[in-house]
C-alpha cells in the first residue's frame, strides 16, 4: 500500500505555516547575532533541519512531497509549543498546579531527555538568567564555575528556544550546590585600625585575631573594675 504524501501547500495550511518557515524546517537556518561591543565579532548559530530529506520529505520531479513522518513531527512540535505556552501562563496559580503537572507529563512523553530552562530553574531554585549564563556562548559566564553548558552537547536551539539536554541537569546542579555552599560560609570580619594618622584594614583571620584580643582586654578591664 502506497504511503500517503502531502505537498507544500497542504502542509502549510495544515499547520498554519508560511512557505519560508516550512523551507527552514527542511533546510535548517543560520542566524547571525551581532556582538555587544563595537569590536566584538558577530556569532553564528546553526539550526538543524527538523525534517530530514529522504526520510520526511523528498523530491517528486520539481515538487517537494512530505511523508507521514513529517506530519507526525510537526504535530509533536505544535503540541510541545502549546504545552510550553500554557505552562508559562499558568505558573504561580495554585488552582492550575494539577493541570500544569499534566501538561509537563505530556511534554515528557514527547521527549523525556529534554528540559526547558524554566523547568530546570524551578527544580534547582535558580533564576533563569543564571542558567542562561552557564552556556558556553554567554558573555556573562560566572568565573567561579568553569563546567559550562556546551552547545549541541548540553543544550540546543529549538525553534528559537533554548532546550537543555539531560547532561545539562548535572552541571546546573553542581552550580546550584556551589552557590549554596558559598551562602553557608560565614563572611569574614573586616576591621579598620587607626594608628597615628594612618588607617589599616584587616580582613579574615587577622581581623578576627585582633577582635579577640580587644574583647579579652575589655573583659579584663571589667573584672578589674568589679
Protein backbone atom coordinates (compact mmCIF):
# COMPACT_ATOMS: atom_id res chain seq x y z
CA UNK A 1 0.00 0.00 0.00
CA UNK A 2 1.48 3.35 -1.07
CA UNK A 3 2.20 5.82 1.69
CA UNK A 4 0.12 9.00 1.64
CA UNK A 5 2.11 12.13 0.82
CA UNK A 6 1.37 15.86 1.06
CA UNK A 7 2.51 18.81 -0.99
CA UNK A 8 3.92 22.05 0.49
CA UNK A 9 0.62 23.93 0.23
CA UNK A 10 -1.25 21.21 2.14
CA UNK A 11 1.35 21.13 4.92
CA UNK A 12 1.37 24.94 5.24
CA UNK A 13 -2.42 25.05 5.53
CA UNK A 14 -2.49 22.11 7.95
CA UNK A 15 -0.09 23.79 10.43
CA UNK A 16 -0.61 27.49 9.58
CA UNK A 17 2.95 27.82 8.30
CA UNK A 18 4.39 30.20 5.76
CA UNK A 19 6.32 28.80 2.82
CA UNK A 20 9.66 30.31 4.07
CA UNK A 21 9.08 28.78 7.51
CA UNK A 22 8.44 25.34 6.03
CA UNK A 23 11.63 25.76 3.98
CA UNK A 24 13.57 26.39 7.23
CA UNK A 25 12.17 23.15 8.62
CA UNK A 26 13.56 21.33 5.55
CA UNK A 27 16.89 23.11 5.13
CA UNK A 28 17.65 24.49 8.59
CA UNK A 29 18.95 28.03 9.01
CA UNK A 30 21.91 30.08 10.21
CA UNK A 31 21.24 33.05 12.50
CA UNK A 32 23.74 35.89 12.87
CA UNK A 33 23.86 37.65 16.25
CA UNK A 34 25.80 40.90 16.47
CA UNK A 35 28.33 41.37 19.27
CA UNK A 36 27.50 43.71 22.15
CA UNK A 37 30.63 45.84 21.73
CA UNK A 38 31.87 47.67 18.65
CA UNK A 39 34.88 45.37 18.34
CA UNK A 40 33.04 42.14 19.18
CA UNK A 41 32.81 39.63 16.37
CA UNK A 42 29.29 38.50 15.39
CA UNK A 43 28.26 34.99 16.41
CA UNK A 44 26.58 32.49 14.10
CA UNK A 45 24.19 29.77 15.26
CA UNK A 46 23.20 26.87 13.05
CA UNK A 47 19.73 25.36 13.43
CA UNK A 48 19.48 21.80 12.15
CA UNK A 49 16.51 20.98 9.90
CA UNK A 50 13.57 19.41 11.68
CA UNK A 51 12.50 17.43 8.63
CA UNK A 52 15.13 15.16 7.04
CA UNK A 53 15.44 14.73 3.27
CA UNK A 54 14.80 11.15 2.16
CA UNK A 55 13.11 10.34 5.48
CA UNK A 56 10.45 13.00 5.98
CA UNK A 57 10.37 14.59 2.52
CA UNK A 58 11.68 14.04 -0.98
CA UNK A 59 11.61 15.47 -4.47
CA UNK A 60 8.97 14.29 -6.93
CA UNK A 61 10.16 15.89 -10.12
CA UNK A 62 10.26 19.63 -9.34
CA UNK A 63 7.83 19.35 -6.42
CA UNK A 64 8.57 18.60 -2.75
CA UNK A 65 6.36 15.94 -1.19
CA UNK A 66 6.10 15.27 2.54
CA UNK A 67 5.65 11.86 4.13
CA UNK A 68 3.56 10.84 7.15
CA UNK A 69 6.67 11.04 9.37
CA UNK A 70 6.88 14.78 8.59
CA UNK A 71 3.26 15.28 9.65
CA UNK A 72 3.93 13.39 12.89
CA UNK A 73 6.97 15.56 13.71
CA UNK A 74 5.10 18.79 13.02
CA UNK A 75 2.17 17.64 15.17
CA UNK A 76 4.57 16.89 18.04
CA UNK A 77 6.22 20.28 17.64
CA UNK A 78 2.84 22.03 17.69
CA UNK A 79 1.77 20.10 20.80
CA UNK A 80 5.06 20.90 22.55
CA UNK A 81 4.78 24.65 21.80
CA UNK A 82 1.20 24.67 23.09
CA UNK A 83 2.29 22.98 26.32
CA UNK A 84 5.11 25.49 26.80
CA UNK A 85 2.77 28.43 26.23
CA UNK A 86 0.12 27.11 28.62
CA UNK A 87 2.73 26.24 31.25
CA UNK A 88 4.15 29.78 31.31
CA UNK A 89 0.74 31.46 31.59
CA UNK A 90 -0.39 29.12 34.39
CA UNK A 91 2.69 29.41 36.65
CA UNK A 92 2.17 30.87 40.10
CA UNK A 93 -1.50 29.91 40.41
CA UNK A 94 -2.30 27.15 42.87
CA UNK A 95 -5.55 26.23 41.17
CA UNK A 96 -3.72 25.33 37.95
CA UNK A 97 -0.95 23.22 39.52
CA UNK A 98 -2.59 19.88 38.70
CA UNK A 99 -3.32 20.87 35.12
CA UNK A 100 0.23 22.19 34.75
CA UNK A 101 1.67 18.91 36.01
CA UNK A 102 -0.41 17.04 33.47
CA UNK A 103 0.93 19.26 30.69
CA UNK A 104 4.51 18.74 31.81
CA UNK A 105 3.95 14.98 31.84
CA UNK A 106 2.60 15.18 28.31
CA UNK A 107 5.71 17.10 27.28
CA UNK A 108 7.88 14.43 28.92
CA UNK A 109 6.15 11.82 26.73
CA UNK A 110 7.32 13.77 23.67
CA UNK A 111 10.95 13.83 24.81
CA UNK A 112 11.83 12.70 28.34
CA UNK A 113 15.52 13.62 27.92
CA UNK A 114 14.99 17.35 27.36
CA UNK A 115 14.07 20.24 29.66
CA UNK A 116 13.12 23.87 29.26
CA UNK A 117 15.23 26.46 31.11
CA UNK A 118 12.18 27.46 33.16
CA UNK A 119 11.57 23.88 34.34
CA UNK A 120 15.16 23.35 35.45
CA UNK A 121 15.32 26.79 37.09
CA UNK A 122 12.31 25.93 39.25
CA UNK A 123 13.68 22.50 40.14
CA UNK A 124 17.12 23.86 41.12
CA UNK A 125 15.71 27.03 42.73
CA UNK A 126 17.76 29.27 40.44
CA UNK A 127 16.77 32.20 38.25
CA UNK A 128 16.53 31.51 34.52
CA UNK A 129 19.17 34.21 33.99
CA UNK A 130 21.74 32.20 35.97
CA UNK A 131 21.11 29.12 33.84
CA UNK A 132 21.32 31.10 30.60
CA UNK A 133 24.68 32.47 31.82
CA UNK A 134 26.06 28.93 32.16
CA UNK A 135 26.01 28.40 28.40
CA UNK A 136 29.35 28.46 26.60
CA UNK A 137 28.22 31.34 24.34
CA UNK A 138 27.11 33.63 27.20
CA UNK A 139 29.04 36.85 27.67
CA UNK A 140 28.37 36.92 31.42
CA UNK A 141 29.54 33.40 32.31
CA UNK A 142 30.37 33.07 36.06
CA UNK A 143 34.15 32.99 36.54
CA UNK A 144 33.80 30.86 39.67
CA UNK A 145 32.29 27.97 37.66
CA UNK A 146 34.01 26.50 34.62
CA UNK A 147 31.88 23.44 33.76
CA UNK A 148 29.79 25.39 31.26
CA UNK A 149 26.96 24.03 29.12
CA UNK A 150 28.21 23.17 25.64
CA UNK A 151 26.03 23.87 22.60
CA UNK A 152 24.70 20.73 20.87
CA UNK A 153 26.08 18.65 23.76
CA UNK A 154 24.21 20.05 26.79
CA UNK A 155 21.77 22.42 25.06
CA UNK A 156 20.39 23.37 21.67
CA UNK A 157 18.11 25.86 19.98
CA UNK A 158 14.67 24.52 19.09
CA UNK A 159 12.63 26.97 17.05
CA UNK A 160 14.44 29.87 18.73
CA UNK A 161 14.10 28.49 22.27
CA UNK A 162 16.88 27.09 24.45
CA UNK A 163 16.34 23.41 25.25
CA UNK A 164 18.54 21.64 27.80
CA UNK A 165 19.64 18.02 27.46
CA UNK A 166 19.83 15.60 30.36
CA UNK A 167 23.61 16.16 30.61
CA UNK A 168 22.96 19.82 31.47
CA UNK A 169 20.98 18.89 34.56
CA UNK A 170 24.03 17.59 36.47
CA UNK A 171 26.09 20.65 35.56
CA UNK A 172 23.37 23.03 36.70
CA UNK A 173 23.05 21.04 39.93
CA UNK A 174 26.81 21.42 40.52
CA UNK A 175 26.46 25.18 40.09
CA UNK A 176 23.44 25.34 42.43
CA UNK A 177 25.35 23.34 45.08
CA UNK A 178 28.34 25.67 44.76
CA UNK A 179 26.15 28.73 45.31
CA UNK A 180 24.55 27.07 48.33
CA UNK A 181 27.96 26.30 49.85
CA UNK A 182 29.03 29.92 49.40
CA UNK A 183 25.90 31.13 51.18
CA UNK A 184 26.61 28.84 54.13
CA UNK A 185 30.21 30.07 54.61
CA UNK A 186 30.23 32.89 57.20
CA UNK A 187 31.58 36.17 55.84
CA UNK A 188 34.99 37.24 57.13
CA UNK A 189 35.05 40.15 59.52
CA UNK A 190 36.66 43.42 58.50
CA UNK A 191 38.45 45.69 60.89
CA UNK A 192 39.87 49.17 60.37
CA UNK A 193 42.72 50.20 62.72
CA UNK A 194 43.84 53.81 63.11
CA UNK A 195 47.50 54.18 64.06
CA UNK A 196 48.56 57.81 64.17
CA UNK A 197 47.17 59.35 61.02
CA UNK A 198 47.18 56.11 59.03
CA UNK A 199 44.32 53.64 58.62
CA UNK A 200 44.99 49.90 58.22
CA UNK A 201 42.32 47.45 57.06
CA UNK A 202 42.42 43.90 58.38
CA UNK A 203 40.39 41.05 56.89
CA UNK A 204 39.59 37.45 57.73
CA UNK A 205 41.74 35.67 60.31
CA UNK A 206 43.84 38.78 61.03
CA UNK A 207 40.73 40.82 61.83
CA UNK A 208 39.28 38.02 63.98
CA UNK A 209 42.55 37.69 65.93
CA UNK A 210 42.65 41.44 66.73
CA UNK A 211 38.97 41.44 67.70
CA UNK A 212 39.57 38.57 70.14
CA UNK A 213 42.48 40.45 71.74
CA UNK A 214 40.34 43.58 72.15
CA UNK A 215 37.42 41.58 73.58
CA UNK A 216 39.76 39.83 76.01
CA UNK A 217 41.28 43.14 77.10
CA UNK A 218 37.82 44.68 77.60
CA UNK A 219 36.75 41.68 79.70
CA UNK A 220 39.87 42.00 81.89
CA UNK A 221 39.18 45.70 82.50
CA UNK A 222 35.59 44.95 83.51
CA UNK A 223 36.83 42.37 86.02
CA UNK A 224 39.34 44.85 87.48
CA UNK A 225 36.62 47.46 87.98
CA UNK A 226 34.37 44.90 89.61
